């Protein structure tokens, strides 16, 4: 299957169950991203982090979430953005996703959490095959809202490729 065909299939599957999807929007380096609200467990103020020696920069620390140690990921690094200092608006979003058949809690760094909103399938598009500064397989789709695009990241691809890369190093 070509990369373009895979992108179209992933895009179609993302919206196959509904004409609208409820999402939580957040900012990273001036870009607006969104996650399906059903995977969001909690939004947290910043917590103390523990660095994990030898880990990938993308997931370089862990936090204590309700007595569980969970990895803290920085999507900025997955998308090739510069790491940023925390601000008064910075938050962690705790999500639960299926990684290799196992439900996994992961914390995501954000610059700011915006709102829960509904996005329409008719306003969404597959990422373009050329001209993107990010890996197209890391994006499920782009949704037009007002004069901006909201990016729905493909967390499966991001965490799977990062897990594979970490496994190859060990």
C-alpha atoms as a PDB file:
ATOM      1  CA  UNK A   1       0.000   0.000   0.000  1.00  0.00           C
ATOM      2  CA  UNK A   2       1.404   3.405  -0.902  1.00  0.00           C
ATOM      3  CA  UNK A   3       1.957   6.083   1.738  1.00  0.00           C
ATOM      4  CA  UNK A   4      -0.822   8.167   0.182  1.00  0.00           C
ATOM      5  CA  UNK A   5      -3.261   5.238   0.216  1.00  0.00           C
ATOM      6  CA  UNK A   6      -2.377   4.518   3.853  1.00  0.00           C
ATOM      7  CA  UNK A   7      -3.013   8.165   4.763  1.00  0.00           C
ATOM      8  CA  UNK A   8      -6.398   8.163   3.012  1.00  0.00           C
ATOM      9  CA  UNK A   9      -7.374   4.877   4.703  1.00  0.00           C
ATOM     10  CA  UNK A  10      -6.339   6.189   8.149  1.00  0.00           C
ATOM     11  CA  UNK A  11      -8.217   9.436   7.482  1.00  0.00           C
ATOM     12  CA  UNK A  12     -11.384   7.567   6.423  1.00  0.00           C
ATOM     13  CA  UNK A  13     -11.216   5.191   9.402  1.00  0.00           C
ATOM     14  CA  UNK A  14     -10.880   8.088  11.830  1.00  0.00           C
ATOM     15  CA  UNK A  15     -14.290   9.456  10.830  1.00  0.00           C
ATOM     16  CA  UNK A  16     -16.060   6.225   9.863  1.00  0.00           C
ATOM     17  CA  UNK A  17     -18.143   5.992  13.027  1.00  0.00           C
ATOM     18  CA  UNK A  18     -19.572   9.527  13.114  1.00  0.00           C
ATOM     19  CA  UNK A  19     -20.081  12.752  11.218  1.00  0.00           C
ATOM     20  CA  UNK A  20     -18.759  14.701  14.193  1.00  0.00           C
ATOM     21  CA  UNK A  21     -16.185  14.012  16.868  1.00  0.00           C
ATOM     22  CA  UNK A  22     -15.840  15.637  20.281  1.00  0.00           C
ATOM     23  CA  UNK A  23     -12.272  16.760  20.938  1.00  0.00           C
ATOM     24  CA  UNK A  24     -10.097  18.559  23.459  1.00  0.00           C
ATOM     25  CA  UNK A  25      -8.013  21.273  21.785  1.00  0.00           C
ATOM     26  CA  UNK A  26      -4.605  22.396  23.004  1.00  0.00           C
ATOM     27  CA  UNK A  27      -1.652  24.449  21.806  1.00  0.00           C
ATOM     28  CA  UNK A  28       1.939  23.464  21.066  1.00  0.00           C
ATOM     29  CA  UNK A  29       4.369  26.091  19.765  1.00  0.00           C
ATOM     30  CA  UNK A  30       1.564  28.233  18.337  1.00  0.00           C
ATOM     31  CA  UNK A  31      -0.209  25.337  16.568  1.00  0.00           C
ATOM     32  CA  UNK A  32      -3.624  24.028  17.639  1.00  0.00           C
ATOM     33  CA  UNK A  33      -3.937  20.272  18.117  1.00  0.00           C
ATOM     34  CA  UNK A  34      -6.907  18.148  19.173  1.00  0.00           C
ATOM     35  CA  UNK A  35      -7.409  14.765  20.812  1.00  0.00           C
ATOM     36  CA  UNK A  36     -10.619  12.784  20.838  1.00  0.00           C
ATOM     37  CA  UNK A  37     -12.249  13.591  24.170  1.00  0.00           C
ATOM     38  CA  UNK A  38     -12.969   9.913  24.898  1.00  0.00           C
ATOM     39  CA  UNK A  39      -9.254   9.151  25.389  1.00  0.00           C
ATOM     40  CA  UNK A  40      -8.657  12.060  27.776  1.00  0.00           C
ATOM     41  CA  UNK A  41      -8.565  10.932  31.396  1.00  0.00           C
ATOM     42  CA  UNK A  42      -7.634  14.183  33.085  1.00  0.00           C
ATOM     43  CA  UNK A  43      -6.035  17.603  32.634  1.00  0.00           C
ATOM     44  CA  UNK A  44      -3.382  18.304  35.251  1.00  0.00           C
ATOM     45  CA  UNK A  45      -1.488  21.314  36.468  1.00  0.00           C
ATOM     46  CA  UNK A  46       2.240  20.726  36.189  1.00  0.00           C
ATOM     47  CA  UNK A  47       3.557  18.050  38.541  1.00  0.00           C
ATOM     48  CA  UNK A  48       7.047  17.097  39.657  1.00  0.00           C
ATOM     49  CA  UNK A  49       8.782  14.991  37.011  1.00  0.00           C
ATOM     50  CA  UNK A  50      11.389  12.294  37.386  1.00  0.00           C
ATOM     51  CA  UNK A  51      13.937  12.036  34.586  1.00  0.00           C
ATOM     52  CA  UNK A  52      14.509   8.557  33.169  1.00  0.00           C
ATOM     53  CA  UNK A  53      18.207   8.046  32.388  1.00  0.00           C
ATOM     54  CA  UNK A  54      18.880   6.704  28.900  1.00  0.00           C
ATOM     55  CA  UNK A  55      15.347   7.349  27.653  1.00  0.00           C
ATOM     56  CA  UNK A  56      14.456   8.943  24.340  1.00  0.00           C
ATOM     57  CA  UNK A  57      14.094  12.771  24.537  1.00  0.00           C
ATOM     58  CA  UNK A  58      10.481  12.401  23.338  1.00  0.00           C
ATOM     59  CA  UNK A  59       9.586  10.576  26.579  1.00  0.00           C
ATOM     60  CA  UNK A  60      12.374  11.615  28.935  1.00  0.00           C
ATOM     61  CA  UNK A  61      10.488  11.637  32.235  1.00  0.00           C
ATOM     62  CA  UNK A  62       7.659  10.123  34.244  1.00  0.00           C
ATOM     63  CA  UNK A  63       5.040  11.546  36.598  1.00  0.00           C
ATOM     64  CA  UNK A  64       2.976  10.126  39.436  1.00  0.00           C
ATOM     65  CA  UNK A  65      -0.667  10.009  38.334  1.00  0.00           C
ATOM     66  CA  UNK A  66      -2.973   8.767  41.102  1.00  0.00           C
ATOM     67  CA  UNK A  67      -0.288   6.455  42.438  1.00  0.00           C
ATOM     68  CA  UNK A  68       0.730   5.156  39.007  1.00  0.00           C
ATOM     69  CA  UNK A  69       3.993   6.011  37.312  1.00  0.00           C
ATOM     70  CA  UNK A  70       3.223   7.096  33.744  1.00  0.00           C
ATOM     71  CA  UNK A  71       5.466   8.326  30.926  1.00  0.00           C
ATOM     72  CA  UNK A  72       5.356  12.019  30.052  1.00  0.00           C
ATOM     73  CA  UNK A  73       5.643  12.660  26.314  1.00  0.00           C
ATOM     74  CA  UNK A  74       6.501  15.897  24.549  1.00  0.00           C
ATOM     75  CA  UNK A  75       4.729  15.889  21.168  1.00  0.00           C
ATOM     76  CA  UNK A  76       6.759  18.954  20.197  1.00  0.00           C
ATOM     77  CA  UNK A  77       9.798  16.703  19.828  1.00  0.00           C
ATOM     78  CA  UNK A  78       7.853  14.120  17.791  1.00  0.00           C
ATOM     79  CA  UNK A  79       6.886  16.901  15.386  1.00  0.00           C
ATOM     80  CA  UNK A  80      10.414  18.322  15.235  1.00  0.00           C
ATOM     81  CA  UNK A  81       9.572  21.451  17.218  1.00  0.00           C
ATOM     82  CA  UNK A  82      11.848  23.009  19.803  1.00  0.00           C
ATOM     83  CA  UNK A  83      11.233  22.100  23.437  1.00  0.00           C
ATOM     84  CA  UNK A  84       9.664  24.966  25.372  1.00  0.00           C
ATOM     85  CA  UNK A  85       9.814  26.198  28.929  1.00  0.00           C
ATOM     86  CA  UNK A  86       6.680  25.741  31.011  1.00  0.00           C
ATOM     87  CA  UNK A  87       4.441  28.769  31.471  1.00  0.00           C
ATOM     88  CA  UNK A  88       1.533  29.578  33.755  1.00  0.00           C
ATOM     89  CA  UNK A  89      -0.784  28.098  31.064  1.00  0.00           C
ATOM     90  CA  UNK A  90       1.153  24.822  30.615  1.00  0.00           C
ATOM     91  CA  UNK A  91      -0.718  21.626  31.480  1.00  0.00           C
ATOM     92  CA  UNK A  92      -0.372  17.855  31.224  1.00  0.00           C
ATOM     93  CA  UNK A  93      -3.125  15.919  29.471  1.00  0.00           C
ATOM     94  CA  UNK A  94      -3.384  12.318  30.657  1.00  0.00           C
ATOM     95  CA  UNK A  95      -4.702  10.030  27.933  1.00  0.00           C
ATOM     96  CA  UNK A  96      -5.393   6.315  27.705  1.00  0.00           C
ATOM     97  CA  UNK A  97      -4.574   4.707  24.370  1.00  0.00           C
ATOM     98  CA  UNK A  98      -4.116   1.211  23.028  1.00  0.00           C
ATOM     99  CA  UNK A  99      -0.433   0.547  22.381  1.00  0.00           C
ATOM    100  CA  UNK A 100       0.353  -2.894  21.019  1.00  0.00           C
ATOM    101  CA  UNK A 101      -2.882  -4.336  22.418  1.00  0.00           C
ATOM    102  CA  UNK A 102      -2.480  -2.856  25.894  1.00  0.00           C
ATOM    103  CA  UNK A 103      -4.382   0.109  27.335  1.00  0.00           C
ATOM    104  CA  UNK A 104      -1.666   2.559  28.362  1.00  0.00           C
ATOM    105  CA  UNK A 105      -1.770   5.824  30.293  1.00  0.00           C
ATOM    106  CA  UNK A 106       0.467   8.561  28.885  1.00  0.00           C
ATOM    107  CA  UNK A 107       0.890  12.178  29.918  1.00  0.00           C
ATOM    108  CA  UNK A 108       1.266  14.802  27.187  1.00  0.00           C
ATOM    109  CA  UNK A 109       2.893  18.199  27.709  1.00  0.00           C
ATOM    110  CA  UNK A 110       0.947  21.168  26.352  1.00  0.00           C
ATOM    111  CA  UNK A 111       1.514  24.901  26.227  1.00  0.00           C
ATOM    112  CA  UNK A 112      -2.167  25.545  26.886  1.00  0.00           C
ATOM    113  CA  UNK A 113      -5.412  23.565  26.995  1.00  0.00           C
ATOM    114  CA  UNK A 114      -8.167  25.409  25.141  1.00  0.00           C
ATOM    115  CA  UNK A 115     -11.596  23.779  25.061  1.00  0.00           C
ATOM    116  CA  UNK A 116     -13.743  20.746  24.425  1.00  0.00           C
ATOM    117  CA  UNK A 117     -15.473  21.226  21.091  1.00  0.00           C
ATOM    118  CA  UNK A 118     -17.093  19.285  18.272  1.00  0.00           C
ATOM    119  CA  UNK A 119     -15.426  19.009  14.878  1.00  0.00           C
ATOM    120  CA  UNK A 120     -17.321  18.076  11.715  1.00  0.00           C
ATOM    121  CA  UNK A 121     -16.170  15.464   9.212  1.00  0.00           C
ATOM    122  CA  UNK A 122     -17.042  17.848   6.383  1.00  0.00           C
ATOM    123  CA  UNK A 123     -14.410  20.314   7.643  1.00  0.00           C
ATOM    124  CA  UNK A 124     -11.633  17.704   7.762  1.00  0.00           C
ATOM    125  CA  UNK A 125      -8.982  16.835   5.212  1.00  0.00           C
ATOM    126  CA  UNK A 126      -6.205  14.299   4.935  1.00  0.00           C
ATOM    127  CA  UNK A 127      -2.773  15.880   5.381  1.00  0.00           C
ATOM    128  CA  UNK A 128      -1.198  16.939   2.083  1.00  0.00           C
ATOM    129  CA  UNK A 129       1.365  14.536   0.644  1.00  0.00           C
ATOM    130  CA  UNK A 130       3.829  17.359  -0.115  1.00  0.00           C
ATOM    131  CA  UNK A 131       4.751  20.585   1.613  1.00  0.00           C
ATOM    132  CA  UNK A 132       4.271  19.320   5.161  1.00  0.00           C
ATOM    133  CA  UNK A 133       7.001  20.073   7.653  1.00  0.00           C
ATOM    134  CA  UNK A 134       5.921  17.079   9.726  1.00  0.00           C
ATOM    135  CA  UNK A 135       5.671  13.390   8.937  1.00  0.00           C
ATOM    136  CA  UNK A 136       2.290  12.861   7.257  1.00  0.00           C
ATOM    137  CA  UNK A 137       1.784   9.538   9.061  1.00  0.00           C
ATOM    138  CA  UNK A 138       1.882  11.424  12.384  1.00  0.00           C
ATOM    139  CA  UNK A 139      -1.299  13.300  11.408  1.00  0.00           C
ATOM    140  CA  UNK A 140      -4.758  11.705  11.218  1.00  0.00           C
ATOM    141  CA  UNK A 141      -6.299  14.763   9.613  1.00  0.00           C
ATOM    142  CA  UNK A 142      -6.488  18.528   9.544  1.00  0.00           C
ATOM    143  CA  UNK A 143      -9.761  20.253  10.387  1.00  0.00           C
ATOM    144  CA  UNK A 144     -10.585  23.744   9.156  1.00  0.00           C
ATOM    145  CA  UNK A 145     -12.206  25.976  11.763  1.00  0.00           C
ATOM    146  CA  UNK A 146     -12.468  29.684  11.177  1.00  0.00           C
ATOM    147  CA  UNK A 147      -9.196  30.813   9.670  1.00  0.00           C
ATOM    148  CA  UNK A 148      -7.073  28.084  11.244  1.00  0.00           C
ATOM    149  CA  UNK A 149      -6.324  24.387  10.947  1.00  0.00           C
ATOM    150  CA  UNK A 150      -6.613  22.039  13.897  1.00  0.00           C
ATOM    151  CA  UNK A 151      -4.246  19.073  13.777  1.00  0.00           C
ATOM    152  CA  UNK A 152      -5.463  15.681  14.953  1.00  0.00           C
ATOM    153  CA  UNK A 153      -2.278  13.704  15.648  1.00  0.00           C
ATOM    154  CA  UNK A 154      -1.990   9.989  14.936  1.00  0.00           C
ATOM    155  CA  UNK A 155      -0.902   8.888  18.401  1.00  0.00           C
ATOM    156  CA  UNK A 156      -0.658   5.238  17.340  1.00  0.00           C
ATOM    157  CA  UNK A 157       1.946   6.091  14.705  1.00  0.00           C
ATOM    158  CA  UNK A 158       3.827   8.492  16.976  1.00  0.00           C
ATOM    159  CA  UNK A 159       4.097   6.126  19.929  1.00  0.00           C
ATOM    160  CA  UNK A 160       4.593   2.985  17.833  1.00  0.00           C
ATOM    161  CA  UNK A 161       7.493   4.453  15.870  1.00  0.00           C
ATOM    162  CA  UNK A 162       9.050   5.853  19.031  1.00  0.00           C
ATOM    163  CA  UNK A 163       8.643   2.477  20.764  1.00  0.00           C
ATOM    164  CA  UNK A 164      10.198   0.687  17.775  1.00  0.00           C
ATOM    165  CA  UNK A 165      13.121   3.135  17.734  1.00  0.00           C
ATOM    166  CA  UNK A 166      13.706   2.651  21.458  1.00  0.00           C
ATOM    167  CA  UNK A 167      13.570  -1.129  21.042  1.00  0.00           C
ATOM    168  CA  UNK A 168      16.108  -1.004  18.231  1.00  0.00           C
ATOM    169  CA  UNK A 169      18.565   0.842  20.465  1.00  0.00           C
ATOM    170  CA  UNK A 170      18.362  -1.671  23.306  1.00  0.00           C
END
